[in-house]
Amino acid sequence: RNAILIFTSITVLFVMSTIVSTYEGFHYTESVAFCGKLCHKVMNPEFV
């Protein structure tokens, strides 16, 4: 019972974290900072 409780709690937290992270990660890849700053050597002219 304790093992099931531990792994259920961890799994729920893991899934929730993954969902939040994936959601934020997706929006981050669509952001201006991602497009303009991350690859700054290449995209700096376009970003400026």
All heavy atoms as atom14 arrays in JSON, in Angstrom:
{
  "sequence": "RNAILIFTSITVLFVMSTIVSTYEGFHYTESVAFCGKLCHKVMNPEFV",
  "atom14_mask": [
    [1, 1, 1, 1, 1, 1, 1, 1, 1, 1, 1, 0, 0, 0],
    [1, 1, 1, 1, 1, 1, 1, 1, 0, 0, 0, 0, 0, 0],
    [1, 1, 1, 1, 1, 0, 0, 0, 0, 0, 0, 0, 0, 0],
    [1, 1, 1, 1, 1, 1, 1, 1, 0, 0, 0, 0, 0, 0],
    [1, 1, 1, 1, 1, 1, 1, 1, 0, 0, 0, 0, 0, 0],
    [1, 1, 1, 1, 1, 1, 1, 1, 0, 0, 0, 0, 0, 0],
    [1, 1, 1, 1, 1, 1, 1, 1, 1, 1, 1, 0, 0, 0],
    [1, 1, 1, 1, 1, 1, 1, 0, 0, 0, 0, 0, 0, 0],
    [1, 1, 1, 1, 1, 1, 0, 0, 0, 0, 0, 0, 0, 0],
    [1, 1, 1, 1, 1, 1, 1, 1, 0, 0, 0, 0, 0, 0],
    [1, 1, 1, 1, 1, 1, 1, 0, 0, 0, 0, 0, 0, 0],
    [1, 1, 1, 1, 1, 1, 1, 0, 0, 0, 0, 0, 0, 0],
    [1, 1, 1, 1, 1, 1, 1, 1, 0, 0, 0, 0, 0, 0],
    [1, 1, 1, 1, 1, 1, 1, 1, 1, 1, 1, 0, 0, 0],
    [1, 1, 1, 1, 1, 1, 1, 0, 0, 0, 0, 0, 0, 0],
    [1, 1, 1, 1, 1, 1, 1, 1, 0, 0, 0, 0, 0, 0],
    [1, 1, 1, 1, 1, 1, 0, 0, 0, 0, 0, 0, 0, 0],
    [1, 1, 1, 1, 1, 1, 1, 0, 0, 0, 0, 0, 0, 0],
    [1, 1, 1, 1, 1, 1, 1, 1, 0, 0, 0, 0, 0, 0],
    [1, 1, 1, 1, 1, 1, 1, 0, 0, 0, 0, 0, 0, 0],
    [1, 1, 1, 1, 1, 1, 0, 0, 0, 0, 0, 0, 0, 0],
    [1, 1, 1, 1, 1, 1, 1, 0, 0, 0, 0, 0, 0, 0],
    [1, 1, 1, 1, 1, 1, 1, 1, 1, 1, 1, 1, 0, 0],
    [1, 1, 1, 1, 1, 1, 1, 1, 1, 0, 0, 0, 0, 0],
    [1, 1, 1, 1, 0, 0, 0, 0, 0, 0, 0, 0, 0, 0],
    [1, 1, 1, 1, 1, 1, 1, 1, 1, 1, 1, 0, 0, 0],
    [1, 1, 1, 1, 1, 1, 1, 1, 1, 1, 0, 0, 0, 0],
    [1, 1, 1, 1, 1, 1, 1, 1, 1, 1, 1, 1, 0, 0],
    [1, 1, 1, 1, 1, 1, 1, 0, 0, 0, 0, 0, 0, 0],
    [1, 1, 1, 1, 1, 1, 1, 1, 1, 0, 0, 0, 0, 0],
    [1, 1, 1, 1, 1, 1, 0, 0, 0, 0, 0, 0, 0, 0],
    [1, 1, 1, 1, 1, 1, 1, 0, 0, 0, 0, 0, 0, 0],
    [1, 1, 1, 1, 1, 0, 0, 0, 0, 0, 0, 0, 0, 0],
    [1, 1, 1, 1, 1, 1, 1, 1, 1, 1, 1, 0, 0, 0],
    [1, 1, 1, 1, 1, 1, 0, 0, 0, 0, 0, 0, 0, 0],
    [1, 1, 1, 1, 0, 0, 0, 0, 0, 0, 0, 0, 0, 0],
    [1, 1, 1, 1, 1, 1, 1, 1, 1, 0, 0, 0, 0, 0],
    [1, 1, 1, 1, 1, 1, 1, 1, 0, 0, 0, 0, 0, 0],
    [1, 1, 1, 1, 1, 1, 0, 0, 0, 0, 0, 0, 0, 0],
    [1, 1, 1, 1, 1, 1, 1, 1, 1, 1, 0, 0, 0, 0],
    [1, 1, 1, 1, 1, 1, 1, 1, 1, 0, 0, 0, 0, 0],
    [1, 1, 1, 1, 1, 1, 1, 0, 0, 0, 0, 0, 0, 0],
    [1, 1, 1, 1, 1, 1, 1, 1, 0, 0, 0, 0, 0, 0],
    [1, 1, 1, 1, 1, 1, 1, 1, 0, 0, 0, 0, 0, 0],
    [1, 1, 1, 1, 1, 1, 1, 0, 0, 0, 0, 0, 0, 0],
    [1, 1, 1, 1, 1, 1, 1, 1, 1, 0, 0, 0, 0, 0],
    [1, 1, 1, 1, 1, 1, 1, 1, 1, 1, 1, 0, 0, 0],
    [1, 1, 1, 1, 1, 1, 1, 0, 0, 0, 0, 0, 0, 0]
  ],
  "atom14_positions": [
    [[0.82, -1.2, 0.0], [0.0, 0.0, 0.0], [0.87, 1.26, 0.0], [0.61, 2.22, -0.73], [-0.93, -0.01, 1.21], [-1.93, 1.16, 1.2], [-2.99, 1.01, 2.27], [-2.43, 1.05, 3.6], [-2.39, -0.01, 4.42], [-2.86, -1.17, 4.01], [-1.87, 0.1, 5.63], [0.0, 0.0, 0.0], [0.0, 0.0, 0.0], [0.0, 0.0, 0.0]],
    [[1.92, 1.23, 0.8], [2.82, 2.38, 0.85], [3.54, 2.57, -0.48], [3.73, 3.7, -0.95], [3.84, 2.2, 1.97], [3.2, 2.32, 3.34], [2.15, 2.94, 3.49], [3.82, 1.71, 4.36], [0.0, 0.0, 0.0], [0.0, 0.0, 0.0], [0.0, 0.0, 0.0], [0.0, 0.0, 0.0], [0.0, 0.0, 0.0], [0.0, 0.0, 0.0]],
    [[3.94, 1.46, -1.08], [4.65, 1.54, -2.37], [3.74, 2.13, -3.44], [4.14, 3.0, -4.23], [5.14, 0.16, -2.8], [0.0, 0.0, 0.0], [0.0, 0.0, 0.0], [0.0, 0.0, 0.0], [0.0, 0.0, 0.0], [0.0, 0.0, 0.0], [0.0, 0.0, 0.0], [0.0, 0.0, 0.0], [0.0, 0.0, 0.0], [0.0, 0.0, 0.0]],
    [[2.47, 1.66, -3.45], [1.51, 2.17, -4.43], [1.26, 3.66, -4.2], [1.2, 4.46, -5.14], [0.19, 1.39, -4.35], [0.39, -0.04, -4.86], [-0.9, 2.08, -5.17], [-0.81, -0.94, -4.62], [0.0, 0.0, 0.0], [0.0, 0.0, 0.0], [0.0, 0.0, 0.0], [0.0, 0.0, 0.0], [0.0, 0.0, 0.0], [0.0, 0.0, 0.0]],
    [[1.16, 4.08, -2.94], [0.92, 5.48, -2.6], [2.08, 6.35, -3.06], [1.89, 7.41, -3.66], [0.72, 5.63, -1.09], [0.51, 7.06, -0.58], [-0.75, 7.67, -1.16], [0.46, 7.07, 0.96], [0.0, 0.0, 0.0], [0.0, 0.0, 0.0], [0.0, 0.0, 0.0], [0.0, 0.0, 0.0], [0.0, 0.0, 0.0], [0.0, 0.0, 0.0]],
    [[3.31, 5.87, -2.8], [4.5, 6.65, -3.18], [4.58, 6.81, -4.69], [4.73, 7.92, -5.2], [5.77, 5.96, -2.64], [5.81, 6.04, -1.11], [7.03, 6.61, -3.24], [6.9, 5.2, -0.48], [0.0, 0.0, 0.0], [0.0, 0.0, 0.0], [0.0, 0.0, 0.0], [0.0, 0.0, 0.0], [0.0, 0.0, 0.0], [0.0, 0.0, 0.0]],
    [[4.46, 5.69, -5.4], [4.63, 5.76, -6.84], [3.47, 6.47, -7.54], [3.66, 7.12, -8.56], [4.82, 4.35, -7.42], [6.22, 3.83, -7.23], [6.5, 2.9, -6.24], [7.26, 4.31, -8.01], [7.78, 2.43, -6.06], [8.56, 3.85, -7.82], [8.82, 2.9, -6.84], [0.0, 0.0, 0.0], [0.0, 0.0, 0.0], [0.0, 0.0, 0.0]],
    [[2.26, 6.36, -6.97], [1.12, 7.1, -7.53], [1.33, 8.6, -7.39], [1.11, 9.37, -8.34], [-0.18, 6.68, -6.83], [-0.39, 5.28, -7.02], [-1.36, 7.44, -7.43], [0.0, 0.0, 0.0], [0.0, 0.0, 0.0], [0.0, 0.0, 0.0], [0.0, 0.0, 0.0], [0.0, 0.0, 0.0], [0.0, 0.0, 0.0], [0.0, 0.0, 0.0]],
    [[1.78, 9.03, -6.2], [2.01, 10.46, -5.96], [3.1, 11.0, -6.88], [2.97, 12.06, -7.49], [2.41, 10.69, -4.49], [1.39, 10.24, -3.63], [0.0, 0.0, 0.0], [0.0, 0.0, 0.0], [0.0, 0.0, 0.0], [0.0, 0.0, 0.0], [0.0, 0.0, 0.0], [0.0, 0.0, 0.0], [0.0, 0.0, 0.0], [0.0, 0.0, 0.0]],
    [[4.19, 10.22, -6.97], [5.3, 10.65, -7.82], [4.87, 10.72, -9.28], [5.21, 11.66, -10.01], [6.5, 9.7, -7.66], [7.1, 9.86, -6.26], [7.57, 9.99, -8.73], [8.22, 8.88, -5.95], [0.0, 0.0, 0.0], [0.0, 0.0, 0.0], [0.0, 0.0, 0.0], [0.0, 0.0, 0.0], [0.0, 0.0, 0.0], [0.0, 0.0, 0.0]],
    [[4.1, 9.72, -9.71], [3.66, 9.68, -11.11], [2.76, 10.87, -11.43], [2.89, 11.49, -12.49], [2.91, 8.37, -11.4], [3.78, 7.26, -11.13], [2.46, 8.32, -12.85], [0.0, 0.0, 0.0], [0.0, 0.0, 0.0], [0.0, 0.0, 0.0], [0.0, 0.0, 0.0], [0.0, 0.0, 0.0], [0.0, 0.0, 0.0], [0.0, 0.0, 0.0]],
    [[1.83, 11.19, -10.51], [0.94, 12.34, -10.72], [1.74, 13.62, -10.83], [1.53, 14.44, -11.75], [-0.09, 12.44, -9.58], [-0.84, 13.76, -9.66], [-1.06, 11.28, -9.63], [0.0, 0.0, 0.0], [0.0, 0.0, 0.0], [0.0, 0.0, 0.0], [0.0, 0.0, 0.0], [0.0, 0.0, 0.0], [0.0, 0.0, 0.0], [0.0, 0.0, 0.0]],
    [[2.69, 13.81, -9.89], [3.52, 15.01, -9.94], [4.36, 15.05, -11.2], [4.53, 16.1, -11.82], [4.43, 15.07, -8.71], [3.73, 15.34, -7.36], [4.72, 15.2, -6.22], [3.11, 16.73, -7.35], [0.0, 0.0, 0.0], [0.0, 0.0, 0.0], [0.0, 0.0, 0.0], [0.0, 0.0, 0.0], [0.0, 0.0, 0.0], [0.0, 0.0, 0.0]],
    [[4.88, 13.89, -11.59], [5.69, 13.81, -12.8], [4.88, 14.18, -14.04], [5.33, 14.96, -14.88], [6.25, 12.39, -12.93], [6.89, 12.13, -14.27], [8.1, 12.71, -14.62], [6.26, 11.3, -15.19], [8.68, 12.48, -15.85], [6.84, 11.06, -16.43], [8.05, 11.64, -16.75], [0.0, 0.0, 0.0], [0.0, 0.0, 0.0], [0.0, 0.0, 0.0]],
    [[3.68, 13.63, -14.15], [2.83, 13.9, -15.3], [2.45, 15.38, -15.35], [2.49, 16.02, -16.42], [1.56, 13.03, -15.28], [0.58, 13.47, -16.35], [1.92, 11.56, -15.48], [0.0, 0.0, 0.0], [0.0, 0.0, 0.0], [0.0, 0.0, 0.0], [0.0, 0.0, 0.0], [0.0, 0.0, 0.0], [0.0, 0.0, 0.0], [0.0, 0.0, 0.0]],
    [[2.07, 15.93, -14.18], [1.71, 17.35, -14.14], [2.88, 18.23, -14.54], [2.73, 19.19, -15.3], [1.22, 17.71, -12.73], [-0.13, 17.1, -12.36], [-0.62, 17.49, -10.67], [-0.79, 19.27, -10.78], [0.0, 0.0, 0.0], [0.0, 0.0, 0.0], [0.0, 0.0, 0.0], [0.0, 0.0, 0.0], [0.0, 0.0, 0.0], [0.0, 0.0, 0.0]],
    [[4.06, 17.9, -14.03], [5.25, 18.69, -14.36], [5.57, 18.6, -15.84], [5.95, 19.6, -16.48], [6.45, 18.2, -13.54], [6.21, 18.35, -12.17], [0.0, 0.0, 0.0], [0.0, 0.0, 0.0], [0.0, 0.0, 0.0], [0.0, 0.0, 0.0], [0.0, 0.0, 0.0], [0.0, 0.0, 0.0], [0.0, 0.0, 0.0], [0.0, 0.0, 0.0]],
    [[5.43, 17.4, -16.4], [5.71, 17.2, -17.82], [4.74, 18.0, -18.68], [5.13, 18.61, -19.68], [5.62, 15.71, -18.19], [6.53, 14.96, -17.37], [5.97, 15.49, -19.66], [0.0, 0.0, 0.0], [0.0, 0.0, 0.0], [0.0, 0.0, 0.0], [0.0, 0.0, 0.0], [0.0, 0.0, 0.0], [0.0, 0.0, 0.0], [0.0, 0.0, 0.0]],
    [[3.46, 18.01, -18.28], [2.46, 18.77, -19.04], [2.79, 20.26, -19.01], [2.78, 20.94, -20.04], [1.05, 18.53, -18.46], [0.61, 17.08, -18.74], [0.03, 19.5, -19.07], [-0.67, 16.69, -18.06], [0.0, 0.0, 0.0], [0.0, 0.0, 0.0], [0.0, 0.0, 0.0], [0.0, 0.0, 0.0], [0.0, 0.0, 0.0], [0.0, 0.0, 0.0]],
    [[3.08, 20.78, -17.81], [3.41, 22.2, -17.69], [4.67, 22.53, -18.48], [4.74, 23.53, -19.21], [3.6, 22.58, -16.2], [4.15, 24.0, -16.08], [2.28, 22.46, -15.45], [0.0, 0.0, 0.0], [0.0, 0.0, 0.0], [0.0, 0.0, 0.0], [0.0, 0.0, 0.0], [0.0, 0.0, 0.0], [0.0, 0.0, 0.0], [0.0, 0.0, 0.0]],
    [[5.67, 21.67, -18.33], [6.94, 21.91, -19.02], [6.76, 21.87, -20.53], [7.29, 22.72, -21.25], [7.96, 20.86, -18.6], [9.14, 20.99, -19.33], [0.0, 0.0, 0.0], [0.0, 0.0, 0.0], [0.0, 0.0, 0.0], [0.0, 0.0, 0.0], [0.0, 0.0, 0.0], [0.0, 0.0, 0.0], [0.0, 0.0, 0.0], [0.0, 0.0, 0.0]],
    [[6.0, 20.89, -21.04], [5.76, 20.78, -22.47], [5.0, 21.99, -22.99], [5.32, 22.54, -24.06], [4.98, 19.5, -22.79], [5.69, 18.37, -22.28], [4.79, 19.33, -24.29], [0.0, 0.0, 0.0], [0.0, 0.0, 0.0], [0.0, 0.0, 0.0], [0.0, 0.0, 0.0], [0.0, 0.0, 0.0], [0.0, 0.0, 0.0], [0.0, 0.0, 0.0]],
    [[3.98, 22.41, -22.23], [3.18, 23.57, -22.62], [4.05, 24.82, -22.69], [4.04, 25.56, -23.67], [2.05, 23.77, -21.62], [1.23, 25.01, -21.85], [0.21, 25.03, -22.81], [1.46, 26.17, -21.12], [-0.54, 26.17, -23.02], [0.72, 27.32, -21.33], [-0.29, 27.31, -22.28], [-1.02, 28.44, -22.49], [0.0, 0.0, 0.0], [0.0, 0.0, 0.0]],
    [[4.84, 25.04, -21.63], [5.69, 26.22, -21.59], [6.79, 26.13, -22.65], [7.15, 27.13, -23.27], [6.32, 26.37, -20.19], [5.33, 26.73, -19.1], [4.78, 28.13, -19.26], [5.37, 28.93, -20.0], [3.73, 28.42, -18.66], [0.0, 0.0, 0.0], [0.0, 0.0, 0.0], [0.0, 0.0, 0.0], [0.0, 0.0, 0.0], [0.0, 0.0, 0.0]],
    [[7.32, 24.91, -22.84], [8.35, 24.71, -23.84], [7.85, 25.03, -25.23], [8.54, 25.66, -26.04], [0.0, 0.0, 0.0], [0.0, 0.0, 0.0], [0.0, 0.0, 0.0], [0.0, 0.0, 0.0], [0.0, 0.0, 0.0], [0.0, 0.0, 0.0], [0.0, 0.0, 0.0], [0.0, 0.0, 0.0], [0.0, 0.0, 0.0], [0.0, 0.0, 0.0]],
    [[6.62, 24.6, -25.54], [6.03, 24.87, -26.84], [5.89, 26.38, -27.06], [6.28, 26.91, -28.1], [4.67, 24.2, -26.96], [3.85, 24.68, -28.13], [4.14, 24.23, -29.41], [2.83, 25.6, -27.95], [3.4, 24.68, -30.5], [2.09, 26.05, -29.03], [2.38, 25.58, -30.31], [0.0, 0.0, 0.0], [0.0, 0.0, 0.0], [0.0, 0.0, 0.0]],
    [[5.35, 27.07, -26.06], [5.18, 28.51, -26.19], [6.52, 29.23, -26.24], [6.63, 30.27, -26.91], [4.32, 29.05, -25.05], [2.86, 28.81, -25.26], [2.09, 29.6, -26.07], [2.03, 27.85, -24.78], [0.85, 29.16, -26.09], [0.79, 28.09, -25.31], [0.0, 0.0, 0.0], [0.0, 0.0, 0.0], [0.0, 0.0, 0.0], [0.0, 0.0, 0.0]],
    [[7.5, 28.67, -25.56], [8.82, 29.3, -25.6], [9.41, 29.23, -27.01], [10.01, 30.19, -27.49], [9.75, 28.63, -24.6], [11.16, 29.13, -24.72], [11.46, 30.46, -24.47], [12.18, 28.27, -25.12], [12.76, 30.93, -24.6], [13.47, 28.74, -25.25], [13.76, 30.07, -24.99], [15.03, 30.53, -25.15], [0.0, 0.0, 0.0], [0.0, 0.0, 0.0]],
    [[9.23, 28.09, -27.68], [9.77, 27.96, -29.04], [9.04, 28.87, -30.02], [9.53, 29.11, -31.13], [9.66, 26.51, -29.55], [8.29, 26.11, -29.58], [10.45, 25.57, -28.67], [0.0, 0.0, 0.0], [0.0, 0.0, 0.0], [0.0, 0.0, 0.0], [0.0, 0.0, 0.0], [0.0, 0.0, 0.0], [0.0, 0.0, 0.0], [0.0, 0.0, 0.0]],
    [[7.86, 29.39, -29.64], [7.12, 30.32, -30.5], [7.39, 31.78, -30.13], [6.86, 32.68, -30.76], [5.61, 30.06, -30.34], [5.17, 28.66, -30.76], [5.28, 28.45, -32.26], [4.55, 29.1, -33.0], [6.14, 27.65, -32.68], [0.0, 0.0, 0.0], [0.0, 0.0, 0.0], [0.0, 0.0, 0.0], [0.0, 0.0, 0.0], [0.0, 0.0, 0.0]],
    [[8.21, 31.99, -29.12], [8.42, 33.35, -28.62], [9.43, 34.12, -29.45], [10.25, 33.54, -30.18], [8.89, 33.31, -27.16], [10.21, 32.78, -27.09], [0.0, 0.0, 0.0], [0.0, 0.0, 0.0], [0.0, 0.0, 0.0], [0.0, 0.0, 0.0], [0.0, 0.0, 0.0], [0.0, 0.0, 0.0], [0.0, 0.0, 0.0], [0.0, 0.0, 0.0]],
    [[9.41, 35.43, -29.29], [10.36, 36.3, -29.98], [11.77, 36.06, -29.47], [12.74, 36.05, -30.24], [9.97, 37.78, -29.79], [11.04, 38.7, -30.35], [8.63, 38.06, -30.45], [0.0, 0.0, 0.0], [0.0, 0.0, 0.0], [0.0, 0.0, 0.0], [0.0, 0.0, 0.0], [0.0, 0.0, 0.0], [0.0, 0.0, 0.0], [0.0, 0.0, 0.0]],
    [[11.9, 35.84, -28.16], [13.23, 35.59, -27.58], [13.87, 34.35, -28.18], [15.06, 34.34, -28.5], [13.11, 35.45, -26.06], [0.0, 0.0, 0.0], [0.0, 0.0, 0.0], [0.0, 0.0, 0.0], [0.0, 0.0, 0.0], [0.0, 0.0, 0.0], [0.0, 0.0, 0.0], [0.0, 0.0, 0.0], [0.0, 0.0, 0.0], [0.0, 0.0, 0.0]],
    [[13.09, 33.3, -28.33], [13.61, 32.06, -28.91], [14.07, 32.29, -30.34], [15.15, 31.87, -30.75], [12.54, 30.96, -28.86], [13.0, 29.64, -29.43], [13.7, 28.75, -28.64], [12.73, 29.3, -30.74], [14.12, 27.54, -29.15], [13.14, 28.1, -31.27], [13.85, 27.2, -30.46], [0.0, 0.0, 0.0], [0.0, 0.0, 0.0], [0.0, 0.0, 0.0]],
    [[13.24, 32.97, -31.14], [13.57, 33.2, -32.55], [14.73, 34.17, -32.71], [15.6, 33.97, -33.57], [12.35, 33.76, -33.29], [10.92, 32.66, -33.33], [0.0, 0.0, 0.0], [0.0, 0.0, 0.0], [0.0, 0.0, 0.0], [0.0, 0.0, 0.0], [0.0, 0.0, 0.0], [0.0, 0.0, 0.0], [0.0, 0.0, 0.0], [0.0, 0.0, 0.0]],
    [[14.76, 35.22, -31.9], [15.71, 36.29, -32.13], [17.0, 36.22, -31.34], [18.04, 36.68, -31.82], [0.0, 0.0, 0.0], [0.0, 0.0, 0.0], [0.0, 0.0, 0.0], [0.0, 0.0, 0.0], [0.0, 0.0, 0.0], [0.0, 0.0, 0.0], [0.0, 0.0, 0.0], [0.0, 0.0, 0.0], [0.0, 0.0, 0.0], [0.0, 0.0, 0.0]],
    [[16.95, 35.65, -30.13], [18.12, 35.7, -29.26], [18.89, 34.39, -29.17], [20.11, 34.4, -29.01], [17.7, 36.12, -27.84], [17.21, 37.55, -27.73], [16.88, 37.88, -26.29], [16.41, 39.32, -26.14], [16.07, 39.64, -24.73], [0.0, 0.0, 0.0], [0.0, 0.0, 0.0], [0.0, 0.0, 0.0], [0.0, 0.0, 0.0], [0.0, 0.0, 0.0]],
    [[18.19, 33.28, -29.23], [18.86, 32.01, -29.01], [19.94, 31.76, -30.04], [21.09, 31.47, -29.72], [17.83, 30.86, -29.03], [18.4, 29.49, -28.7], [19.0, 29.47, -27.31], [17.33, 28.42, -28.83], [0.0, 0.0, 0.0], [0.0, 0.0, 0.0], [0.0, 0.0, 0.0], [0.0, 0.0, 0.0], [0.0, 0.0, 0.0], [0.0, 0.0, 0.0]],
    [[19.59, 31.89, -31.31], [20.57, 31.74, -32.39], [21.09, 33.12, -32.77], [20.94, 33.57, -33.91], [19.95, 31.04, -33.59], [19.32, 29.39, -33.23], [0.0, 0.0, 0.0], [0.0, 0.0, 0.0], [0.0, 0.0, 0.0], [0.0, 0.0, 0.0], [0.0, 0.0, 0.0], [0.0, 0.0, 0.0], [0.0, 0.0, 0.0], [0.0, 0.0, 0.0]],
    [[21.69, 33.8, -31.78], [21.98, 35.21, -31.97], [23.01, 35.49, -33.06], [22.98, 36.53, -33.69], [22.46, 35.83, -30.65], [23.7, 35.2, -30.1], [23.66, 34.06, -29.34], [25.01, 35.54, -30.21], [24.9, 33.73, -28.99], [25.73, 34.59, -29.5], [0.0, 0.0, 0.0], [0.0, 0.0, 0.0], [0.0, 0.0, 0.0], [0.0, 0.0, 0.0]],
    [[23.9, 34.56, -33.31], [24.9, 34.78, -34.38], [24.22, 34.93, -35.73], [24.6, 35.75, -36.55], [25.88, 33.61, -34.42], [26.85, 33.56, -33.26], [27.81, 32.39, -33.46], [28.78, 32.28, -32.29], [29.69, 31.12, -32.47], [0.0, 0.0, 0.0], [0.0, 0.0, 0.0], [0.0, 0.0, 0.0], [0.0, 0.0, 0.0], [0.0, 0.0, 0.0]],
    [[23.21, 34.08, -35.95], [22.53, 34.07, -37.25], [21.42, 35.1, -37.31], [21.29, 35.86, -38.27], [21.94, 32.67, -37.53], [21.27, 32.64, -38.89], [23.03, 31.62, -37.45], [0.0, 0.0, 0.0], [0.0, 0.0, 0.0], [0.0, 0.0, 0.0], [0.0, 0.0, 0.0], [0.0, 0.0, 0.0], [0.0, 0.0, 0.0], [0.0, 0.0, 0.0]],
    [[20.6, 35.13, -36.27], [19.37, 35.91, -36.32], [19.51, 37.33, -35.78], [18.54, 38.09, -35.82], [18.27, 35.18, -35.53], [17.9, 33.82, -36.08], [17.48, 33.84, -37.85], [16.06, 34.93, -37.84], [0.0, 0.0, 0.0], [0.0, 0.0, 0.0], [0.0, 0.0, 0.0], [0.0, 0.0, 0.0], [0.0, 0.0, 0.0], [0.0, 0.0, 0.0]],
    [[20.68, 37.71, -35.31], [20.82, 39.05, -34.74], [20.43, 40.16, -35.72], [19.74, 41.1, -35.34], [22.25, 39.27, -34.24], [22.41, 40.6, -33.53], [21.68, 40.92, -32.61], [23.37, 41.39, -33.97], [0.0, 0.0, 0.0], [0.0, 0.0, 0.0], [0.0, 0.0, 0.0], [0.0, 0.0, 0.0], [0.0, 0.0, 0.0], [0.0, 0.0, 0.0]],
    [[20.84, 40.1, -36.99], [20.42, 41.17, -37.92], [18.9, 41.28, -38.04], [18.34, 42.38, -37.96], [21.04, 40.73, -39.26], [22.2, 39.91, -38.88], [21.78, 39.17, -37.64], [0.0, 0.0, 0.0], [0.0, 0.0, 0.0], [0.0, 0.0, 0.0], [0.0, 0.0, 0.0], [0.0, 0.0, 0.0], [0.0, 0.0, 0.0], [0.0, 0.0, 0.0]],
    [[18.23, 40.13, -38.2], [16.77, 40.14, -38.33], [16.11, 40.61, -37.03], [15.11, 41.34, -37.06], [16.26, 38.75, -38.7], [16.48, 38.37, -40.15], [17.92, 38.04, -40.47], [18.71, 37.83, -39.52], [18.27, 38.01, -41.66], [0.0, 0.0, 0.0], [0.0, 0.0, 0.0], [0.0, 0.0, 0.0], [0.0, 0.0, 0.0], [0.0, 0.0, 0.0]],
    [[16.67, 40.21, -35.89], [16.09, 40.56, -34.6], [16.2, 42.07, -34.34], [15.25, 42.71, -33.9], [16.78, 39.78, -33.48], [16.22, 40.04, -32.11], [14.89, 39.77, -31.83], [17.01, 40.57, -31.12], [14.37, 40.02, -30.56], [16.5, 40.82, -29.86], [15.18, 40.54, -29.58], [0.0, 0.0, 0.0], [0.0, 0.0, 0.0], [0.0, 0.0, 0.0]],
    [[17.35, 42.64, -34.65], [17.56, 44.09, -34.46], [16.64, 44.87, -35.39], [15.99, 45.84, -34.97], [19.03, 44.46, -34.7], [19.2, 45.99, -34.71], [19.93, 43.85, -33.64], [0.0, 0.0, 0.0], [0.0, 0.0, 0.0], [0.0, 0.0, 0.0], [0.0, 0.0, 0.0], [0.0, 0.0, 0.0], [0.0, 0.0, 0.0], [0.0, 0.0, 0.0]]
  ]
}
